[in-house]
Amino acid sequence: MMKQNDICHAWKAVTHEGNAHFHACAYVQALACYEHARSMLLQHFEDWDTPDNAVAALVVSYLNLADTQQRLGRSDEAADTLCMAHERLLMCSCHPAAEPALRAAACRHQRETYAALTQFAHSQGHDSRVSPLVQACLARTQALTQTPAQMTHEPGLAGSHLH
């Protein structure tokens, strides 16, 4: 089993290697690095030094993957990746069994994945494969983040769309 510092250092090294490939427009190599970094992170997520650092690394891993997939013309994969990242954070932030520090970290970092999703949706326009997936993810976010009072007092929100 790797130590916390070793895990973080290894993840950072693979991510930096991916960044170098990305900036050199070597997207296939960058994708391989980012997939490896995400795999390392997920395998050792509970061993990370702090919940906030683990969640931040998760966000970076998924956003790097999505950016690279998009550069490779794989918009549908990028949409899946962004939705997966956002929904992981959303479910973690709402899960009563998750430790409070992890729930709080997930709540804080949802802004980043939500912003990435909305920016992606805007850039894709009405792509028939991508748009419905992203819009459904954003709608689930709205539904899960509403308080019961909002749902009772504002019944029109259930049918509205996020933009």
Protein backbone atom coordinates (compact mmCIF):
# COMPACT_ATOMS: atom_id res chain seq x y z
CA MET A 1 0.00 0.00 0.00
CA MET A 2 1.34 3.42 -0.95
CA LYS A 3 1.82 6.14 1.65
CA GLN A 4 -0.26 9.31 1.41
CA ASN A 5 2.66 11.48 0.25
CA ASP A 6 3.66 8.86 -2.33
CA ILE A 7 0.13 8.71 -3.72
CA CYS A 8 -0.17 12.47 -4.03
CA HIS A 9 3.33 12.79 -5.52
CA ALA A 10 2.72 10.01 -8.07
CA TRP A 11 -0.65 11.47 -9.07
CA LYS A 12 0.87 14.93 -9.50
CA ALA A 13 3.75 13.55 -11.58
CA VAL A 14 1.41 11.71 -13.96
CA THR A 15 -0.87 14.75 -14.16
CA HIS A 16 2.07 17.08 -14.92
CA GLU A 17 3.24 14.66 -17.63
CA GLY A 18 -0.27 14.75 -19.10
CA ASN A 19 -0.24 18.55 -18.96
CA ALA A 20 3.06 18.65 -20.87
CA HIS A 21 1.59 16.40 -23.58
CA PHE A 22 -1.61 18.45 -23.67
CA HIS A 23 0.28 21.72 -24.13
CA ALA A 24 2.34 20.07 -26.88
CA CYS A 25 -0.94 19.08 -28.60
CA ALA A 26 -0.06 15.39 -28.09
CA TYR A 27 -3.61 14.65 -27.00
CA VAL A 28 -3.49 10.86 -27.27
CA GLN A 29 -0.51 10.77 -24.90
CA ALA A 30 -2.17 13.32 -22.61
CA LEU A 31 -5.32 11.21 -22.53
CA ALA A 32 -3.33 8.14 -21.47
CA CYS A 33 -1.67 10.10 -18.64
CA TYR A 34 -4.94 11.61 -17.46
CA GLU A 35 -6.68 8.24 -17.51
CA HIS A 36 -3.81 6.80 -15.47
CA ALA A 37 -3.99 9.70 -13.00
CA ARG A 38 -7.74 9.22 -12.58
CA SER A 39 -7.30 5.50 -12.07
CA MET A 40 -4.63 6.09 -9.41
CA LEU A 41 -6.84 8.61 -7.69
CA LEU A 42 -9.90 6.38 -7.63
CA GLN A 43 -7.89 3.39 -6.44
CA HIS A 44 -6.39 5.37 -3.56
CA PHE A 45 -9.13 7.96 -2.96
CA GLU A 46 -9.61 7.03 0.71
CA ASP A 47 -5.86 7.08 1.33
CA TRP A 48 -5.45 10.72 0.24
CA ASP A 49 -4.04 13.15 2.82
CA THR A 50 -7.27 15.16 3.27
CA PRO A 51 -10.80 14.85 1.88
CA ASP A 52 -10.51 18.30 0.30
CA ASN A 53 -7.30 17.38 -1.54
CA ALA A 54 -8.83 14.09 -2.68
CA VAL A 55 -11.91 15.84 -4.06
CA ALA A 56 -9.80 18.56 -5.70
CA ALA A 57 -7.66 15.89 -7.37
CA LEU A 58 -10.81 14.11 -8.52
CA VAL A 59 -12.10 17.31 -10.12
CA VAL A 60 -8.77 18.00 -11.82
CA SER A 61 -8.55 14.42 -13.09
CA TYR A 62 -12.00 14.44 -14.62
CA LEU A 63 -11.78 17.95 -16.07
CA ASN A 64 -8.40 17.17 -17.66
CA LEU A 65 -9.86 14.02 -19.18
CA ALA A 66 -12.90 15.87 -20.53
CA ASP A 67 -10.80 18.68 -22.03
CA THR A 68 -8.59 16.16 -23.78
CA GLN A 69 -11.52 14.07 -25.02
CA GLN A 70 -13.05 17.21 -26.45
CA ARG A 71 -9.79 18.15 -28.20
CA LEU A 72 -9.78 14.68 -29.75
CA GLY A 73 -13.29 15.28 -31.11
CA ARG A 74 -14.92 12.92 -28.64
CA SER A 75 -17.62 15.26 -27.38
CA ASP A 76 -19.93 12.46 -26.28
CA GLU A 77 -17.16 10.94 -24.11
CA ALA A 78 -16.32 14.38 -22.71
CA ALA A 79 -19.98 14.90 -21.78
CA ASP A 80 -20.04 11.52 -20.03
CA THR A 81 -16.85 12.38 -18.15
CA LEU A 82 -18.13 15.77 -17.01
CA CYS A 83 -21.47 14.32 -15.93
CA MET A 84 -19.74 11.50 -14.07
CA ALA A 85 -17.52 13.94 -12.17
CA HIS A 86 -20.37 16.27 -11.27
CA GLU A 87 -22.71 13.50 -10.24
CA ARG A 88 -20.02 11.88 -8.07
CA LEU A 89 -19.64 15.13 -6.17
CA LEU A 90 -23.37 15.70 -5.98
CA MET A 91 -24.08 12.24 -4.61
CA CYS A 92 -21.19 12.45 -2.15
CA SER A 93 -22.37 15.82 -0.86
CA CYS A 94 -25.86 14.41 -0.25
CA HIS A 95 -24.88 10.97 1.09
CA PRO A 96 -25.63 10.78 4.82
CA ALA A 97 -23.01 8.06 5.43
CA ALA A 98 -20.13 10.10 3.98
CA GLU A 99 -17.89 11.76 6.52
CA PRO A 100 -18.72 15.46 7.06
CA ALA A 101 -15.36 16.71 5.74
CA LEU A 102 -15.84 14.75 2.52
CA ARG A 103 -19.41 16.01 2.08
CA ALA A 104 -18.24 19.58 2.64
CA ALA A 105 -15.38 19.20 0.15
CA ALA A 106 -17.75 17.73 -2.43
CA CYS A 107 -20.12 20.68 -1.94
CA ARG A 108 -17.32 23.21 -2.37
CA HIS A 109 -16.00 21.61 -5.56
CA GLN A 110 -19.39 21.17 -7.23
CA ARG A 111 -19.14 24.74 -8.48
CA GLU A 112 -16.21 23.76 -10.67
CA THR A 113 -17.90 20.75 -12.24
CA TYR A 114 -21.18 22.62 -12.62
CA ALA A 115 -19.38 25.50 -14.37
CA ALA A 116 -17.57 23.04 -16.64
CA LEU A 117 -20.86 21.35 -17.52
CA THR A 118 -22.67 24.58 -18.30
CA GLN A 119 -19.74 25.88 -20.34
CA PHE A 120 -19.59 22.58 -22.21
CA ALA A 121 -23.35 22.67 -22.89
CA HIS A 122 -23.03 26.21 -24.20
CA SER A 123 -20.09 25.34 -26.46
CA GLN A 124 -21.84 22.25 -27.87
CA GLY A 125 -25.06 24.04 -28.69
CA HIS A 126 -27.77 21.59 -29.62
CA ASP A 127 -25.64 18.56 -30.44
CA SER A 128 -28.23 15.76 -30.50
CA ARG A 129 -25.93 13.31 -28.67
CA VAL A 130 -24.42 15.62 -26.08
CA SER A 131 -27.06 18.19 -25.21
CA PRO A 132 -29.67 15.80 -23.73
CA LEU A 133 -27.06 14.09 -21.52
CA VAL A 134 -25.70 17.36 -20.14
CA GLN A 135 -29.16 18.87 -19.68
CA ALA A 136 -30.34 15.76 -17.80
CA CYS A 137 -27.32 15.96 -15.50
CA LEU A 138 -27.93 19.64 -14.81
CA ALA A 139 -31.62 18.93 -14.14
CA ARG A 140 -30.69 16.21 -11.61
CA THR A 141 -28.41 18.75 -9.94
CA GLN A 142 -31.28 21.18 -9.63
CA ALA A 143 -33.60 18.52 -8.25
CA LEU A 144 -31.10 17.22 -5.68
CA THR A 145 -30.00 20.63 -4.46
CA GLN A 146 -33.50 22.03 -3.86
CA THR A 147 -34.66 22.04 -0.30
CA PRO A 148 -38.07 20.56 0.47
CA ALA A 149 -39.38 24.09 1.10
CA GLN A 150 -38.29 25.20 -2.37
CA MET A 151 -39.92 22.18 -3.93
CA THR A 152 -43.16 22.89 -2.05
CA HIS A 153 -43.28 26.65 -2.58
CA GLU A 154 -41.96 26.76 -6.14
CA PRO A 155 -43.61 23.94 -8.07
CA GLY A 156 -42.67 25.45 -11.43
CA LEU A 157 -38.99 24.70 -10.87
CA ALA A 158 -39.36 21.00 -11.61
CA GLY A 159 -40.08 21.72 -15.26
CA SER A 160 -37.57 24.52 -15.76
CA HIS A 161 -34.22 24.16 -17.51
CA LEU A 162 -30.87 25.42 -16.32
CA HIS A 163 -28.96 27.66 -18.69
